[in-house]
Protein backbone atom coordinates (compact mmCIF):
# COMPACT_ATOMS: atom_id res chain seq x y z
CA UNK A 1 33.32 239.53 -29.62
CA UNK A 2 30.13 240.56 -31.17
CA UNK A 3 26.94 241.05 -29.01
CA UNK A 4 24.80 241.57 -32.25
CA UNK A 5 21.12 240.58 -32.32
CA UNK A 6 21.62 237.09 -33.73
CA UNK A 7 24.87 236.13 -31.55
CA UNK A 8 22.92 234.97 -28.00
CA UNK A 9 26.50 234.08 -26.65
CA UNK A 10 28.72 236.55 -24.90
CA UNK A 11 32.36 236.97 -24.67
CA UNK A 12 32.67 235.89 -21.39
CA UNK A 13 31.15 233.10 -21.41
CA UNK A 14 33.39 231.57 -24.17
CA UNK A 15 36.34 233.21 -23.29
CA UNK A 16 36.32 231.94 -19.71
CA UNK A 17 38.71 229.99 -20.89
CA UNK A 18 48.61 249.25 -45.16
CA UNK A 19 46.11 249.29 -47.04
CA UNK A 20 46.07 246.54 -49.30
CA UNK A 21 42.55 245.83 -50.68
CA UNK A 22 42.52 242.47 -52.21
CA UNK A 23 38.63 241.70 -53.12
CA UNK A 24 38.93 238.64 -55.25
CA UNK A 25 42.02 237.01 -53.96
CA UNK A 26 40.29 235.10 -51.43
CA UNK A 27 40.30 232.41 -54.00
CA UNK A 28 44.04 232.10 -53.42
CA UNK A 29 45.21 233.66 -56.56
CA UNK A 30 48.67 234.82 -56.37
CA UNK A 31 49.41 238.45 -55.22
CA UNK A 32 51.49 240.41 -57.80
CA UNK A 33 54.70 240.96 -56.80
CA UNK A 34 55.07 238.56 -53.89
CA UNK A 35 57.21 235.96 -53.72
CA UNK A 36 56.37 233.12 -50.89
CA UNK A 37 59.38 233.57 -48.12
CA UNK A 38 61.21 230.72 -47.73
CA UNK A 39 61.36 230.90 -44.12
CA UNK A 40 59.22 228.33 -42.67
CA UNK A 41 55.54 229.37 -43.10
CA UNK A 42 53.13 229.24 -39.54
CA UNK A 43 51.02 226.74 -39.85
CA UNK A 44 46.92 228.27 -40.48
CA UNK A 45 44.37 227.58 -37.85
CA UNK A 46 41.12 228.90 -36.87
CA UNK A 47 40.01 230.42 -33.43
CA UNK A 48 37.03 229.02 -32.63
CA UNK A 49 35.43 232.41 -31.47
CA UNK A 50 34.55 232.76 -35.19
CA UNK A 51 32.50 229.84 -35.55
CA UNK A 52 31.17 230.01 -31.62
CA UNK A 53 26.86 230.55 -32.92
CA UNK A 54 27.39 227.53 -35.37
CA UNK A 55 29.12 225.58 -32.53
CA UNK A 56 26.29 226.00 -30.59
CA UNK A 57 24.12 224.42 -33.16
CA UNK A 58 26.31 221.69 -34.28
CA UNK A 59 29.54 220.91 -32.38
CA UNK A 60 30.88 218.15 -34.14
CA UNK A 61 29.41 218.84 -37.86
CA UNK A 62 30.82 222.30 -37.64
CA UNK A 63 34.70 221.09 -36.59
CA UNK A 64 34.23 218.36 -39.14
CA UNK A 65 33.95 221.25 -41.82
CA UNK A 66 37.16 223.41 -40.55
CA UNK A 67 38.87 220.22 -40.86
CA UNK A 68 37.60 220.01 -44.06
CA UNK A 69 38.99 222.84 -45.22
CA UNK A 70 42.61 222.31 -44.44
CA UNK A 71 43.13 223.93 -41.30
CA UNK A 72 45.67 222.05 -38.94
CA UNK A 73 44.54 223.24 -35.92
CA UNK A 74 41.75 225.64 -33.79
CA UNK A 75 42.75 227.37 -30.53
CA UNK A 76 40.12 226.78 -28.21
CA UNK A 77 37.41 228.33 -26.15
CA UNK A 78 35.13 227.10 -23.96
CA UNK A 79 32.61 224.70 -25.23
CA UNK A 80 28.80 224.86 -25.19
CA UNK A 81 26.53 224.58 -22.60
CA UNK A 82 26.35 220.47 -21.33
CA UNK A 83 29.18 219.86 -23.23
CA UNK A 84 32.74 219.12 -21.08
CA UNK A 85 35.82 219.70 -21.87
CA UNK A 86 37.06 216.49 -22.86
CA UNK A 87 33.84 215.80 -24.78
CA UNK A 88 34.56 218.84 -26.94
CA UNK A 89 38.22 217.49 -26.58
CA UNK A 90 37.69 214.30 -28.34
CA UNK A 91 35.65 215.88 -30.68
CA UNK A 92 38.33 218.39 -32.17
CA UNK A 93 41.03 215.41 -31.90
CA UNK A 94 39.19 212.99 -33.71
CA UNK A 95 38.34 215.26 -36.42
CA UNK A 96 42.37 215.60 -37.26
CA UNK A 97 42.89 218.81 -36.10
CA UNK A 98 45.25 219.79 -33.25
CA UNK A 99 44.47 222.47 -30.60
CA UNK A 100 47.27 225.12 -30.57
CA UNK A 101 46.60 226.99 -28.04
CA UNK A 102 43.57 227.64 -25.78
CA UNK A 103 42.72 231.18 -24.59
CA UNK A 104 41.98 231.08 -20.41
CA UNK A 105 40.92 233.36 -17.88
CA UNK A 106 44.09 234.27 -15.20
CA UNK A 107 44.15 232.09 -12.00
CA UNK A 108 42.01 233.78 -9.41
CA UNK A 109 42.33 232.99 -5.79
CA UNK A 110 44.27 230.10 -6.82
CA UNK A 111 41.67 228.67 -9.00
CA UNK A 112 41.44 227.99 -12.76
CA UNK A 113 40.73 225.28 -15.05
CA UNK A 114 44.13 225.04 -16.98
CA UNK A 115 45.65 221.68 -16.29
CA UNK A 116 41.67 220.29 -17.06
CA UNK A 117 42.31 222.34 -20.54
CA UNK A 118 45.44 221.50 -21.34
CA UNK A 119 44.61 217.33 -20.78
CA UNK A 120 41.05 217.75 -22.81
CA UNK A 121 42.85 219.17 -25.53
CA UNK A 122 46.28 217.83 -25.59
CA UNK A 123 47.48 221.50 -25.92
CA UNK A 124 50.65 223.33 -23.77
CA UNK A 125 49.86 226.83 -24.73
CA UNK A 126 47.74 228.66 -22.00
CA UNK A 127 47.03 232.66 -23.37
CA UNK A 128 45.46 234.96 -21.28
CA UNK A 129 42.95 236.35 -23.64
CA UNK A 130 43.08 240.01 -22.59
CA UNK A 131 39.28 240.83 -22.44
CA UNK A 132 37.85 242.92 -21.08
CA UNK A 133 40.00 246.30 -20.93
CA UNK A 134 42.54 246.48 -17.60
CA UNK A 135 42.89 250.18 -16.45
CA UNK A 136 46.05 249.57 -15.28
CA UNK A 137 47.97 249.30 -18.78
CA UNK A 138 46.98 253.04 -18.85
CA UNK A 139 49.78 253.94 -16.14
CA UNK A 140 53.40 252.52 -15.99
CA UNK A 141 52.83 251.63 -12.27
CA UNK A 142 49.40 249.59 -13.55
CA UNK A 143 51.68 247.43 -16.12
CA UNK A 144 54.48 247.00 -13.01
CA UNK A 145 51.66 245.13 -11.40
CA UNK A 146 50.54 243.46 -13.98
CA UNK A 147 53.91 242.13 -14.74
CA UNK A 148 53.77 240.50 -11.45
CA UNK A 149 50.31 238.95 -12.13
CA UNK A 150 51.71 237.33 -15.72
CA UNK A 151 55.02 236.17 -13.98
CA UNK A 152 52.90 234.53 -11.41
CA UNK A 153 50.83 232.93 -14.34
CA UNK A 154 53.97 231.91 -15.57
CA UNK A 155 55.07 229.99 -12.62
CA UNK A 156 51.96 227.82 -12.68
CA UNK A 157 52.55 227.10 -16.38
CA UNK A 158 56.39 226.42 -15.51
CA UNK A 159 55.20 223.83 -12.88
CA UNK A 160 52.83 222.04 -14.93
CA UNK A 161 54.65 221.79 -17.98
CA UNK A 162 52.51 224.34 -19.69
CA UNK A 163 53.51 227.77 -21.66
CA UNK A 164 52.26 230.79 -21.17
CA UNK A 165 51.59 233.96 -23.36
CA UNK A 166 49.43 237.47 -24.03
CA UNK A 167 47.04 237.66 -26.32
CA UNK A 168 46.61 241.80 -27.51
CA UNK A 169 43.44 243.83 -27.96
CA UNK A 170 43.78 247.72 -29.16
CA UNK A 171 44.24 249.18 -25.81
CA UNK A 172 47.57 247.52 -25.02
CA UNK A 173 48.96 249.54 -27.95
CA UNK A 174 47.39 253.01 -27.66
CA UNK A 175 50.53 255.50 -26.65
CA UNK A 176 50.61 256.48 -23.15
CA UNK A 177 51.11 259.83 -22.18
CA UNK A 178 54.99 258.75 -22.05
CA UNK A 179 54.81 258.10 -25.68
CA UNK A 180 55.26 254.16 -24.78
CA UNK A 181 53.00 251.32 -25.67
CA UNK A 182 52.01 249.24 -23.11
CA UNK A 183 52.81 245.82 -24.50
CA UNK A 184 56.37 247.13 -25.79
CA UNK A 185 56.71 247.73 -21.63
CA UNK A 186 55.88 244.47 -21.54
CA UNK A 187 58.02 243.17 -23.99
CA UNK A 188 60.94 244.95 -22.20
CA UNK A 189 59.95 243.55 -18.66
CA UNK A 190 58.61 240.00 -18.68
CA UNK A 191 60.20 236.91 -18.29
CA UNK A 192 61.29 235.84 -21.78
CA UNK A 193 59.71 232.62 -21.08
CA UNK A 194 56.28 234.40 -21.65
CA UNK A 195 55.25 234.53 -25.47
CA UNK A 196 52.99 236.93 -27.51
CA UNK A 197 50.15 236.39 -29.76
CA UNK A 198 49.89 239.40 -31.98
CA UNK A 199 46.44 240.27 -32.69
CA UNK A 200 47.24 241.98 -36.01
CA UNK A 201 43.78 243.83 -36.60
CA UNK A 202 43.34 245.11 -33.11
CA UNK A 203 47.14 246.92 -33.21
CA UNK A 204 46.05 248.31 -36.46
CA UNK A 205 42.94 249.48 -34.60
CA UNK A 206 45.28 251.05 -32.16
CA UNK A 207 47.19 253.40 -35.13
CA UNK A 208 49.94 251.10 -35.39
CA UNK A 209 51.54 249.10 -38.22
CA UNK A 210 51.02 245.29 -37.19
CA UNK A 211 54.28 244.70 -39.55
CA UNK A 212 56.32 247.13 -37.44
CA UNK A 213 54.92 245.89 -33.85
CA UNK A 214 55.71 241.86 -35.45
CA UNK A 215 58.89 242.84 -36.22
CA UNK A 216 59.83 244.73 -33.37
CA UNK A 217 58.63 241.85 -31.08
CA UNK A 218 60.74 239.36 -33.33
CA UNK A 219 61.13 235.88 -31.79
CA UNK A 220 58.67 236.65 -28.99
CA UNK A 221 56.01 236.69 -31.13
CA UNK A 222 54.99 232.54 -31.54
CA UNK A 223 51.36 233.51 -32.93
CA UNK A 224 49.52 235.53 -35.24
CA UNK A 225 46.06 236.49 -34.90
CA UNK A 226 45.10 237.06 -38.64
CA UNK A 227 41.63 239.22 -39.28
CA UNK A 228 41.05 241.80 -41.72
CA UNK A 229 38.34 244.37 -42.25
CA UNK A 230 38.05 247.77 -42.01
CA UNK A 231 40.35 248.21 -38.93
CA UNK A 232 39.56 251.41 -37.68
CA UNK A 233 38.96 252.36 -34.12
CA UNK A 234 34.83 253.61 -33.62
CA UNK A 235 33.05 253.80 -30.17
CA UNK A 236 31.24 250.74 -30.62
CA UNK A 237 34.36 248.90 -29.94
CA UNK A 238 33.88 249.95 -26.10
CA UNK A 239 30.35 248.25 -26.33
CA UNK A 240 31.86 245.19 -27.82
CA UNK A 241 30.78 245.30 -30.92
CA UNK A 242 33.31 245.81 -33.78
CA UNK A 243 32.49 246.47 -37.19
CA UNK A 244 31.90 243.62 -39.76
CA UNK A 245 35.20 241.78 -40.53
CA UNK A 246 35.81 239.99 -43.85
CA UNK A 247 37.73 237.36 -45.09
CA UNK A 248 41.58 237.86 -44.71
CA UNK A 249 43.09 239.47 -48.00
CA UNK A 250 39.96 241.43 -48.44
CA UNK A 251 40.14 244.15 -46.12
CA UNK A 252 42.79 246.72 -45.21
CA UNK A 253 45.60 244.46 -43.69
CA UNK A 254 49.04 243.98 -45.30
CA UNK A 255 49.85 240.25 -44.70
CA UNK A 256 52.55 239.80 -47.35
CA UNK A 257 54.27 242.54 -45.24
CA UNK A 258 53.17 240.91 -41.85
CA UNK A 259 54.52 237.86 -42.92
CA UNK A 260 57.87 239.12 -44.34
CA UNK A 261 58.34 240.82 -40.75
CA UNK A 262 57.77 238.09 -39.08
CA UNK A 263 60.86 236.31 -40.45
CA UNK A 264 59.95 232.53 -39.92
CA UNK A 265 59.36 233.25 -35.98
CA UNK A 266 55.45 232.47 -36.19
CA UNK A 267 54.26 229.03 -35.39
CA UNK A 268 50.83 229.89 -36.04
CA UNK A 269 48.73 231.79 -38.13
CA UNK A 270 45.27 231.76 -36.74
CA UNK A 271 42.36 233.00 -38.67
CA UNK A 272 39.42 234.75 -36.82
CA UNK A 273 36.89 236.82 -37.50
CA UNK A 274 34.46 239.13 -34.67
CA UNK A 275 31.56 238.65 -36.85
CA UNK A 276 31.25 238.66 -40.55
CA UNK A 277 29.96 241.14 -43.51
CA UNK A 278 29.13 237.72 -45.13
CA UNK A 279 28.56 234.29 -44.12
CA UNK A 280 31.10 233.11 -41.67
CA UNK A 281 32.02 229.39 -43.23
CA UNK A 282 32.75 231.22 -46.30
CA UNK A 283 35.16 233.48 -44.89
CA UNK A 284 36.72 230.87 -43.20
CA UNK A 285 37.43 229.14 -46.42
CA UNK A 286 38.21 231.91 -48.40
CA UNK A 287 40.27 232.80 -45.54
CA UNK A 288 42.20 229.68 -45.74
CA UNK A 289 42.37 229.76 -49.70
CA UNK A 290 44.15 233.65 -49.66
CA UNK A 291 46.55 232.66 -47.01
CA UNK A 292 47.78 229.18 -48.26
CA UNK A 293 47.37 230.20 -51.83
CA UNK A 294 49.75 232.57 -51.71
CA UNK A 295 52.34 231.25 -49.50
CA UNK A 296 51.50 233.19 -46.56
CA UNK A 297 50.31 229.85 -44.00
CA UNK A 298 51.23 226.40 -44.33
CA UNK A 299 47.60 224.43 -44.96
CA UNK A 300 47.61 220.81 -43.92
CA UNK A 301 45.80 219.55 -47.63
């Protein structure tokens, strides 16, 4: 999501498609007092938005580095200009990585690229990325309109053997005047076949406890976005300029609490950094080491 001077790629091009300051524990050192859950751990993946600038320069080389770190999979975004979905999918699959999910646009006027994406990436999980903010989340009437749209998307997925889910930012977890949270309304009203990908960082930015939300959503949460940093609201967010993030375990997030709240329901733990306070690939490696080294996610190596 970063639109810093160093980023030449806008989010929309690619998306078309508390308080635990750990510091040095990014290396995978054991957390004091933390015992890994005996329940199934989510496998670790990387959201490719994290390395979008590197993919522009060297797609195959960047994918190979991610695979060599031990990640099981990636969450896909549209490939750089000049590269087809098929070619991007071949590079990812040949590296030994899977595509756990694809961030997609909602169908518009009957047009979409879901089937092409599903075939290219051998992936069934289609996730509406949710960007930019939809003002309909401000009212229950607006949310009911969105529910109809999401059910239409589910029908498309079902009719083609695919699955459909929703990803959040901060506004879906900001309280309405009624005191309700928009995503909690969706949880109650949406068909149970629509799953949720909870971005734990944006939940905290909205002022909610990510562990409480993950627990409340239960087995409807199949994927988590794992990102760390200050996790606070700033006006720069509305300009698509989040504060720099850090490797998982080095910011304000309490990931042991979040994993415990998931109760083994989460299939994929997806690392994402929208931008970074340090070298991006170093943070990607440190996130892997922290999550796998502390029994919070399952790695491939």
